[in-house]
Amino acid sequence: MTGWRLFLRRALYLALAALCITFPLVTLDYSVNRRLPPDLLYALSIAWIVRQDRSANMPLVVAMALLADFVLMRPVGLGALMLLITSEVARNNARVLRDYGFFLEWIAVGVGFVLMMLAQNLLLAMSLSNTLSLASIGRIALATFVTYPFIVAFLRYIIRLRPIPGGFDIDRLGRVI
């Protein structure tokens, strides 16, 4: 991928991530029993990394996750750490997830999100902070699980973000970048 294309892809990721962060802030229901929104930043980041991992590198993902922690008033750094760990696991297994098809990718993303939320709850409980109930974790996980295919379809058909053939780039001398 050339320098300008990579820059534009990263700028597009930042813009879409900013939209995903602001989505939970635009609620029209302020009641106590409102539905919990899906974690769109998680779904966008994992879907983007599985398709083109170079254009959503680690500093961008961490910066947007930290921004989400600040804006959404979550424990600062904990959500960023959890997203960093799951995104790096997805980055290391991106070729496997692509090769085995979308259904396995979808299941793996859902399981990764549940494990991420449980680990986050465990760390919050160890620090004697307020934690989410298991029912809340299940509702957020289900909402994220349901929205993931729509985000993937948006990235594939609207943004035209497809995996690089072969999964790697080659420079002019034939070396793998």
Protein backbone atom coordinates (compact mmCIF):
# COMPACT_ATOMS: atom_id res chain seq x y z
CA MET A 1 0.00 0.00 0.00
CA THR A 2 1.44 3.38 -0.95
CA GLY A 3 2.04 6.17 1.53
CA TRP A 4 -1.00 8.26 0.59
CA ARG A 5 -3.37 5.31 0.54
CA LEU A 6 -2.11 4.20 3.93
CA PHE A 7 -2.52 7.73 5.29
CA LEU A 8 -6.07 7.97 3.93
CA ARG A 9 -7.00 4.55 5.33
CA ARG A 10 -5.70 5.58 8.75
CA ALA A 11 -7.58 8.88 8.58
CA LEU A 12 -10.73 6.99 7.62
CA TYR A 13 -10.24 4.62 10.56
CA LEU A 14 -9.86 7.59 12.92
CA ALA A 15 -13.02 9.24 11.57
CA LEU A 16 -15.09 6.05 11.82
CA ALA A 17 -13.72 5.33 15.30
CA ALA A 18 -14.70 8.84 16.39
CA LEU A 19 -18.22 8.17 15.11
CA CYS A 20 -18.29 4.89 17.02
CA ILE A 21 -17.26 6.70 20.20
CA THR A 22 -19.93 9.37 19.85
CA PHE A 23 -22.74 6.92 19.03
CA PRO A 24 -23.44 5.94 22.69
CA LEU A 25 -23.56 9.63 23.63
CA VAL A 26 -26.46 10.29 21.26
CA THR A 27 -29.10 8.40 23.17
CA LEU A 28 -32.71 9.41 23.03
CA ASP A 29 -33.69 7.29 26.01
CA TYR A 30 -32.57 8.56 29.40
CA SER A 31 -34.52 6.10 31.53
CA VAL A 32 -32.89 3.71 33.94
CA ASN A 33 -33.95 0.62 31.98
CA ARG A 34 -32.54 1.73 28.65
CA ARG A 35 -30.79 -0.70 26.36
CA LEU A 36 -27.03 -0.82 26.62
CA PRO A 37 -25.36 0.14 23.32
CA PRO A 38 -22.97 -2.22 21.56
CA ASP A 39 -19.24 -1.58 21.70
CA LEU A 40 -18.91 -0.30 18.16
CA LEU A 41 -15.26 0.69 18.59
CA TYR A 42 -14.38 -2.92 19.42
CA ALA A 43 -16.31 -4.26 16.44
CA LEU A 44 -14.85 -1.68 14.06
CA SER A 45 -11.28 -2.18 15.27
CA ILE A 46 -11.36 -5.97 15.09
CA ALA A 47 -13.12 -6.00 11.71
CA TRP A 48 -10.60 -3.48 10.33
CA ILE A 49 -7.60 -5.37 11.73
CA VAL A 50 -8.76 -8.71 10.33
CA ARG A 51 -9.13 -7.14 6.88
CA GLN A 52 -6.13 -4.78 6.71
CA ASP A 53 -3.98 -4.80 9.80
CA ARG A 54 -1.40 -2.25 8.63
CA SER A 55 -3.85 0.60 8.25
CA ALA A 56 -5.08 0.31 11.86
CA ASN A 57 -1.83 0.02 13.74
CA MET A 58 -1.44 -0.32 17.48
CA PRO A 59 -0.96 3.39 18.34
CA LEU A 60 -4.15 4.34 16.49
CA VAL A 61 -6.20 1.66 18.22
CA VAL A 62 -4.83 2.56 21.65
CA ALA A 63 -5.33 6.30 21.07
CA MET A 64 -8.94 5.83 20.06
CA ALA A 65 -9.59 3.42 22.93
CA LEU A 66 -8.12 5.92 25.41
CA LEU A 67 -10.27 8.64 23.89
CA ALA A 68 -13.30 6.38 24.30
CA ASP A 69 -12.38 5.79 27.95
CA PHE A 70 -12.19 9.53 28.58
CA VAL A 71 -15.31 10.49 26.65
CA LEU A 72 -17.53 7.64 27.86
CA MET A 73 -16.30 8.02 31.48
CA ARG A 74 -15.00 4.49 31.80
CA PRO A 75 -11.97 3.53 33.93
CA VAL A 76 -9.15 5.23 32.07
CA GLY A 77 -6.79 2.83 30.38
CA LEU A 78 -8.60 -0.39 31.28
CA GLY A 79 -10.78 -0.48 28.18
CA ALA A 80 -7.78 0.57 26.09
CA LEU A 81 -5.71 -2.26 27.55
CA MET A 82 -8.44 -4.81 26.91
CA LEU A 83 -8.96 -3.59 23.33
CA LEU A 84 -5.20 -3.61 22.76
CA ILE A 85 -4.89 -7.22 23.93
CA THR A 86 -7.84 -8.50 21.89
CA SER A 87 -6.85 -6.53 18.80
CA GLU A 88 -3.31 -7.90 18.91
CA VAL A 89 -4.65 -11.44 19.30
CA ALA A 90 -6.89 -10.79 16.28
CA ARG A 91 -3.95 -9.29 14.37
CA ASN A 92 -1.81 -12.37 15.02
CA ASN A 93 -4.65 -14.69 13.96
CA ALA A 94 -6.03 -12.57 11.11
CA ARG A 95 -4.99 -14.98 8.38
CA VAL A 96 -6.59 -17.92 10.19
CA LEU A 97 -9.78 -15.96 10.73
CA ARG A 98 -9.92 -14.98 7.06
CA ASP A 99 -9.11 -18.48 5.79
CA TYR A 100 -11.80 -20.27 7.77
CA GLY A 101 -14.60 -17.95 6.72
CA PHE A 102 -16.80 -15.33 8.22
CA PHE A 103 -18.79 -17.58 10.56
CA LEU A 104 -15.70 -18.64 12.52
CA GLU A 105 -14.49 -15.03 12.56
CA TRP A 106 -17.85 -13.92 13.92
CA ILE A 107 -17.80 -16.57 16.66
CA ALA A 108 -14.18 -15.74 17.56
CA VAL A 109 -14.96 -12.02 17.79
CA GLY A 110 -17.93 -12.73 20.05
CA VAL A 111 -15.93 -15.03 22.32
CA GLY A 112 -13.08 -12.51 22.40
CA PHE A 113 -15.47 -9.75 23.43
CA VAL A 114 -17.01 -11.82 26.22
CA LEU A 115 -13.56 -12.78 27.51
CA MET A 116 -12.46 -9.14 27.31
CA MET A 117 -15.48 -7.98 29.31
CA LEU A 118 -15.06 -10.72 31.92
CA ALA A 119 -11.36 -9.88 32.35
CA GLN A 120 -12.23 -6.22 32.66
CA ASN A 121 -14.85 -7.03 35.30
CA LEU A 122 -12.37 -9.20 37.16
CA LEU A 123 -9.79 -6.41 37.23
CA LEU A 124 -12.42 -3.94 38.41
CA ALA A 125 -13.53 -6.34 41.15
CA MET A 126 -9.92 -6.83 42.28
CA SER A 127 -9.57 -3.06 42.66
CA LEU A 128 -12.88 -2.91 44.58
CA SER A 129 -14.52 -0.76 41.93
CA ASN A 130 -18.07 -0.97 40.64
CA THR A 131 -18.51 -3.80 38.16
CA LEU A 132 -21.13 -4.66 35.59
CA SER A 133 -23.55 -7.47 36.29
CA LEU A 134 -23.28 -10.60 34.20
CA ALA A 135 -26.65 -9.77 32.64
CA SER A 136 -25.32 -6.38 31.52
CA ILE A 137 -22.21 -8.00 30.10
CA GLY A 138 -24.42 -10.48 28.24
CA ARG A 139 -26.62 -7.72 26.80
CA ILE A 140 -23.63 -5.65 25.65
CA ALA A 141 -21.96 -8.75 24.20
CA LEU A 142 -25.13 -9.77 22.38
CA ALA A 143 -25.59 -6.28 20.95
CA THR A 144 -21.95 -6.19 19.80
CA PHE A 145 -22.25 -9.71 18.38
CA VAL A 146 -25.34 -8.74 16.38
CA THR A 147 -23.84 -5.50 15.02
CA TYR A 148 -20.53 -7.07 13.94
CA PRO A 149 -21.80 -8.44 10.58
CA PHE A 150 -23.26 -5.04 9.71
CA ILE A 151 -19.94 -3.34 10.42
CA VAL A 152 -18.12 -5.93 8.31
CA ALA A 153 -20.60 -5.45 5.47
CA PHE A 154 -20.18 -1.67 5.73
CA LEU A 155 -16.39 -1.99 5.59
CA ARG A 156 -16.49 -4.44 2.70
CA TYR A 157 -19.17 -2.99 0.44
CA ILE A 158 -19.24 0.73 1.27
CA ILE A 159 -15.65 1.48 2.30
CA ARG A 160 -14.24 -1.27 0.02
CA LEU A 161 -11.85 -2.49 2.70
CA ARG A 162 -10.77 -5.94 1.62
CA PRO A 163 -7.92 -8.15 2.74
CA ILE A 164 -4.66 -7.69 0.90
CA PRO A 165 -4.16 -10.73 -1.37
CA GLY A 166 -1.71 -13.08 0.25
CA GLY A 167 -1.88 -11.15 3.50
CA PHE A 168 1.38 -9.26 3.05
CA ASP A 169 2.96 -6.49 1.02
CA ILE A 170 6.07 -6.89 -1.11
CA ASP A 171 8.46 -4.04 -1.79
CA ARG A 172 10.32 -3.40 -5.06
CA LEU A 173 13.05 -5.90 -4.19
CA GLY A 174 10.62 -8.70 -3.42
CA ARG A 175 11.04 -8.56 0.34
CA VAL A 176 8.04 -8.99 2.57
CA ILE A 177 7.23 -5.76 4.37
